[in-house]
Amino acid sequence: MLSTTSQYAIRALSCLARMQSGETVLGRKLSEEASVPSNYLSKIMLVMRNAGLIEATRGAGGGYRLGRAPSTVRLLDIVSLFEPLVGEMECVLGTGPCNDDAPCAVHTRWKEVRNQFVGFLEKTTLADVTEPTSHP
């Protein structure tokens, strides 16, 4: 449901969130850790820097670090940078405008799924996705 760019952005920020506060990482190391091609990563990081999600420092001792606490960064904050229409209702059938006034055949059911998906992005933070998972 997420574009490759959004997935890469979440992975890169997850790596930054696992670092010690104030610690920076070079782009090529972050590229390796997040498994994101470095040219693609630099473009993604520029967008996130402009949005205030990360800080980027050049020169000796430079690199990337989070610009906000992981608990304050919602997945929606990240995804909406790369998928600005994520909160809008798009027709799942691709038949054109789809809304309550002009619904497609599956509008009501798709609206429920989309609302749950957007709700997940709104409620889930970067801290949530970087916590270690426990296996029963």
C-alpha atoms as a PDB file:
ATOM      1  CA  MET A   1       0.000   0.000   0.000  1.00  0.00           C
ATOM      2  CA  LEU A   2       3.019   2.272   0.352  1.00  0.00           C
ATOM      3  CA  SER A   3       5.269   3.414  -2.467  1.00  0.00           C
ATOM      4  CA  THR A   4       8.887   2.298  -2.537  1.00  0.00           C
ATOM      5  CA  THR A   5       9.924   5.859  -1.705  1.00  0.00           C
ATOM      6  CA  SER A   6       7.785   5.895   1.462  1.00  0.00           C
ATOM      7  CA  GLN A   7       9.137   2.493   2.492  1.00  0.00           C
ATOM      8  CA  TYR A   8      12.714   3.697   1.979  1.00  0.00           C
ATOM      9  CA  ALA A   9      12.041   6.859   3.975  1.00  0.00           C
ATOM     10  CA  ILE A  10      10.589   4.901   6.903  1.00  0.00           C
ATOM     11  CA  ARG A  11      13.531   2.472   6.844  1.00  0.00           C
ATOM     12  CA  ALA A  12      16.075   5.293   6.808  1.00  0.00           C
ATOM     13  CA  LEU A  13      14.369   7.137   9.651  1.00  0.00           C
ATOM     14  CA  SER A  14      14.089   3.905  11.626  1.00  0.00           C
ATOM     15  CA  CYS A  15      17.860   3.512  11.396  1.00  0.00           C
ATOM     16  CA  LEU A  16      18.342   7.094  12.603  1.00  0.00           C
ATOM     17  CA  ALA A  17      15.877   6.525  15.447  1.00  0.00           C
ATOM     18  CA  ARG A  18      17.960   3.607  16.750  1.00  0.00           C
ATOM     19  CA  MET A  19      21.048   5.811  17.071  1.00  0.00           C
ATOM     20  CA  GLN A  20      22.104   7.583  20.264  1.00  0.00           C
ATOM     21  CA  SER A  21      20.740  11.112  20.661  1.00  0.00           C
ATOM     22  CA  GLY A  22      22.914  13.626  18.805  1.00  0.00           C
ATOM     23  CA  GLU A  23      24.848  10.917  16.932  1.00  0.00           C
ATOM     24  CA  THR A  24      25.185  11.342  13.162  1.00  0.00           C
ATOM     25  CA  VAL A  25      25.667   8.830  10.378  1.00  0.00           C
ATOM     26  CA  LEU A  26      27.156   9.325   6.927  1.00  0.00           C
ATOM     27  CA  GLY A  27      24.866   8.891   3.953  1.00  0.00           C
ATOM     28  CA  ARG A  28      26.690   5.885   2.524  1.00  0.00           C
ATOM     29  CA  LYS A  29      26.547   4.043   5.873  1.00  0.00           C
ATOM     30  CA  LEU A  30      22.854   4.871   6.261  1.00  0.00           C
ATOM     31  CA  SER A  31      22.304   3.678   2.699  1.00  0.00           C
ATOM     32  CA  GLU A  32      23.848   0.322   3.611  1.00  0.00           C
ATOM     33  CA  GLU A  33      22.026  -0.019   6.939  1.00  0.00           C
ATOM     34  CA  ALA A  34      18.634   0.887   5.478  1.00  0.00           C
ATOM     35  CA  SER A  35      19.210  -1.016   2.202  1.00  0.00           C
ATOM     36  CA  VAL A  36      18.370   2.072   0.151  1.00  0.00           C
ATOM     37  CA  PRO A  37      20.348   2.994  -2.985  1.00  0.00           C
ATOM     38  CA  SER A  38      22.519   5.987  -2.026  1.00  0.00           C
ATOM     39  CA  ASN A  39      21.413   8.271  -4.897  1.00  0.00           C
ATOM     40  CA  TYR A  40      17.776   7.589  -4.026  1.00  0.00           C
ATOM     41  CA  LEU A  41      18.491   8.089  -0.319  1.00  0.00           C
ATOM     42  CA  SER A  42      20.048  11.524  -0.831  1.00  0.00           C
ATOM     43  CA  LYS A  43      16.904  12.734  -2.641  1.00  0.00           C
ATOM     44  CA  ILE A  44      14.642  11.333   0.065  1.00  0.00           C
ATOM     45  CA  MET A  45      16.761  12.856   2.824  1.00  0.00           C
ATOM     46  CA  LEU A  46      16.611  16.282   1.183  1.00  0.00           C
ATOM     47  CA  VAL A  47      12.815  16.192   1.245  1.00  0.00           C
ATOM     48  CA  MET A  48      12.812  15.076   4.886  1.00  0.00           C
ATOM     49  CA  ARG A  49      15.365  17.739   5.855  1.00  0.00           C
ATOM     50  CA  ASN A  50      13.215  20.428   4.256  1.00  0.00           C
ATOM     51  CA  ALA A  51      10.261  19.092   6.279  1.00  0.00           C
ATOM     52  CA  GLY A  52      12.265  19.228   9.529  1.00  0.00           C
ATOM     53  CA  LEU A  53      12.250  15.478  10.133  1.00  0.00           C
ATOM     54  CA  ILE A  54      16.040  15.203   9.952  1.00  0.00           C
ATOM     55  CA  GLU A  55      19.094  17.383  10.285  1.00  0.00           C
ATOM     56  CA  ALA A  56      21.973  17.170   7.846  1.00  0.00           C
ATOM     57  CA  THR A  57      25.454  18.495   8.564  1.00  0.00           C
ATOM     58  CA  ARG A  58      28.279  18.711   6.035  1.00  0.00           C
ATOM     59  CA  GLY A  59      31.968  18.357   6.656  1.00  0.00           C
ATOM     60  CA  ALA A  60      34.017  16.512   9.265  1.00  0.00           C
ATOM     61  CA  GLY A  61      31.753  14.984  11.884  1.00  0.00           C
ATOM     62  CA  GLY A  62      28.762  15.620   9.670  1.00  0.00           C
ATOM     63  CA  GLY A  63      26.011  13.345   8.568  1.00  0.00           C
ATOM     64  CA  TYR A  64      22.343  12.747   9.206  1.00  0.00           C
ATOM     65  CA  ARG A  65      20.395  12.611  12.462  1.00  0.00           C
ATOM     66  CA  LEU A  66      16.773  12.882  13.475  1.00  0.00           C
ATOM     67  CA  GLY A  67      15.398  16.384  13.796  1.00  0.00           C
ATOM     68  CA  ARG A  68      12.612  15.353  16.194  1.00  0.00           C
ATOM     69  CA  ALA A  69      12.058  12.719  18.850  1.00  0.00           C
ATOM     70  CA  PRO A  70      10.918   9.423  17.283  1.00  0.00           C
ATOM     71  CA  SER A  71       7.780   9.448  19.436  1.00  0.00           C
ATOM     72  CA  THR A  72       6.658  12.705  17.783  1.00  0.00           C
ATOM     73  CA  VAL A  73       7.065  11.550  14.175  1.00  0.00           C
ATOM     74  CA  ARG A  74       3.932   9.837  12.883  1.00  0.00           C
ATOM     75  CA  LEU A  75       4.199   7.555   9.877  1.00  0.00           C
ATOM     76  CA  LEU A  76       1.671   9.871   8.237  1.00  0.00           C
ATOM     77  CA  ASP A  77       4.183  12.740   8.607  1.00  0.00           C
ATOM     78  CA  ILE A  78       6.657  10.704   6.563  1.00  0.00           C
ATOM     79  CA  VAL A  79       4.339   9.140   4.001  1.00  0.00           C
ATOM     80  CA  SER A  80       2.492  12.376   3.212  1.00  0.00           C
ATOM     81  CA  LEU A  81       5.782  13.917   2.026  1.00  0.00           C
ATOM     82  CA  PHE A  82       5.969  11.380  -0.780  1.00  0.00           C
ATOM     83  CA  GLU A  83       2.288  10.524  -1.242  1.00  0.00           C
ATOM     84  CA  PRO A  84       0.435  13.797  -0.728  1.00  0.00           C
ATOM     85  CA  LEU A  85      -2.943  12.291  -1.629  1.00  0.00           C
ATOM     86  CA  VAL A  86      -2.732   9.504   0.968  1.00  0.00           C
ATOM     87  CA  GLY A  87      -5.531  11.102   3.001  1.00  0.00           C
ATOM     88  CA  GLU A  88      -7.816  11.655   0.043  1.00  0.00           C
ATOM     89  CA  MET A  89     -10.292   9.128  -1.229  1.00  0.00           C
ATOM     90  CA  GLU A  90      -9.148   7.561  -4.476  1.00  0.00           C
ATOM     91  CA  CYS A  91     -11.303   5.089  -6.347  1.00  0.00           C
ATOM     92  CA  VAL A  92      -9.938   1.602  -5.862  1.00  0.00           C
ATOM     93  CA  LEU A  93     -11.242   0.678  -9.314  1.00  0.00           C
ATOM     94  CA  GLY A  94      -9.564   3.659 -10.957  1.00  0.00           C
ATOM     95  CA  THR A  95     -12.782   4.717 -12.665  1.00  0.00           C
ATOM     96  CA  GLY A  96     -12.479   8.404 -11.879  1.00  0.00           C
ATOM     97  CA  PRO A  97     -13.934  10.523  -9.111  1.00  0.00           C
ATOM     98  CA  CYS A  98     -15.260   8.402  -6.304  1.00  0.00           C
ATOM     99  CA  ASN A  99     -17.016   9.978  -3.361  1.00  0.00           C
ATOM    100  CA  ASP A 100     -20.146   9.641  -1.278  1.00  0.00           C
ATOM    101  CA  ASP A 101     -22.140  11.567  -3.911  1.00  0.00           C
ATOM    102  CA  ALA A 102     -20.811   9.545  -6.880  1.00  0.00           C
ATOM    103  CA  PRO A 103     -19.674   6.193  -5.435  1.00  0.00           C
ATOM    104  CA  CYS A 104     -18.241   3.279  -7.384  1.00  0.00           C
ATOM    105  CA  ALA A 105     -19.462  -0.262  -6.727  1.00  0.00           C
ATOM    106  CA  VAL A 106     -17.003  -0.862  -3.861  1.00  0.00           C
ATOM    107  CA  HIS A 107     -16.804   2.694  -2.495  1.00  0.00           C
ATOM    108  CA  THR A 108     -18.224   1.973   0.951  1.00  0.00           C
ATOM    109  CA  ARG A 109     -16.042  -1.063   1.615  1.00  0.00           C
ATOM    110  CA  TRP A 110     -12.904   0.646   0.235  1.00  0.00           C
ATOM    111  CA  LYS A 111     -13.607   3.748   2.331  1.00  0.00           C
ATOM    112  CA  GLU A 112     -13.509   1.591   5.483  1.00  0.00           C
ATOM    113  CA  VAL A 113     -10.166   0.033   4.503  1.00  0.00           C
ATOM    114  CA  ARG A 114      -8.660   3.383   3.528  1.00  0.00           C
ATOM    115  CA  ASN A 115      -9.824   4.976   6.787  1.00  0.00           C
ATOM    116  CA  GLN A 116      -8.231   2.152   8.792  1.00  0.00           C
ATOM    117  CA  PHE A 117      -4.993   2.507   6.817  1.00  0.00           C
ATOM    118  CA  VAL A 118      -4.835   6.290   7.306  1.00  0.00           C
ATOM    119  CA  GLY A 119      -5.727   5.787  10.993  1.00  0.00           C
ATOM    120  CA  PHE A 120      -2.792   3.382  11.331  1.00  0.00           C
ATOM    121  CA  LEU A 121      -0.438   5.952   9.763  1.00  0.00           C
ATOM    122  CA  GLU A 122      -1.792   8.685  12.073  1.00  0.00           C
ATOM    123  CA  LYS A 123      -1.460   6.633  15.267  1.00  0.00           C
ATOM    124  CA  THR A 124       1.826   4.830  14.592  1.00  0.00           C
ATOM    125  CA  THR A 125       5.035   6.703  15.357  1.00  0.00           C
ATOM    126  CA  LEU A 126       8.616   6.180  14.342  1.00  0.00           C
ATOM    127  CA  ALA A 127       9.268   5.023  17.911  1.00  0.00           C
ATOM    128  CA  ASP A 128       6.650   2.286  17.461  1.00  0.00           C
ATOM    129  CA  VAL A 129       8.351   0.867  14.363  1.00  0.00           C
ATOM    130  CA  THR A 130      11.845   0.947  15.852  1.00  0.00           C
ATOM    131  CA  GLU A 131      11.017  -0.883  19.091  1.00  0.00           C
ATOM    132  CA  PRO A 132      12.404  -4.391  19.133  1.00  0.00           C
ATOM    133  CA  THR A 133       9.760  -6.996  18.471  1.00  0.00           C
ATOM    134  CA  SER A 134       9.275  -9.793  20.926  1.00  0.00           C
ATOM    135  CA  HIS A 135       8.573 -13.280  19.701  1.00  0.00           C
ATOM    136  CA  PRO A 136       6.366 -15.467  21.906  1.00  0.00           C
END
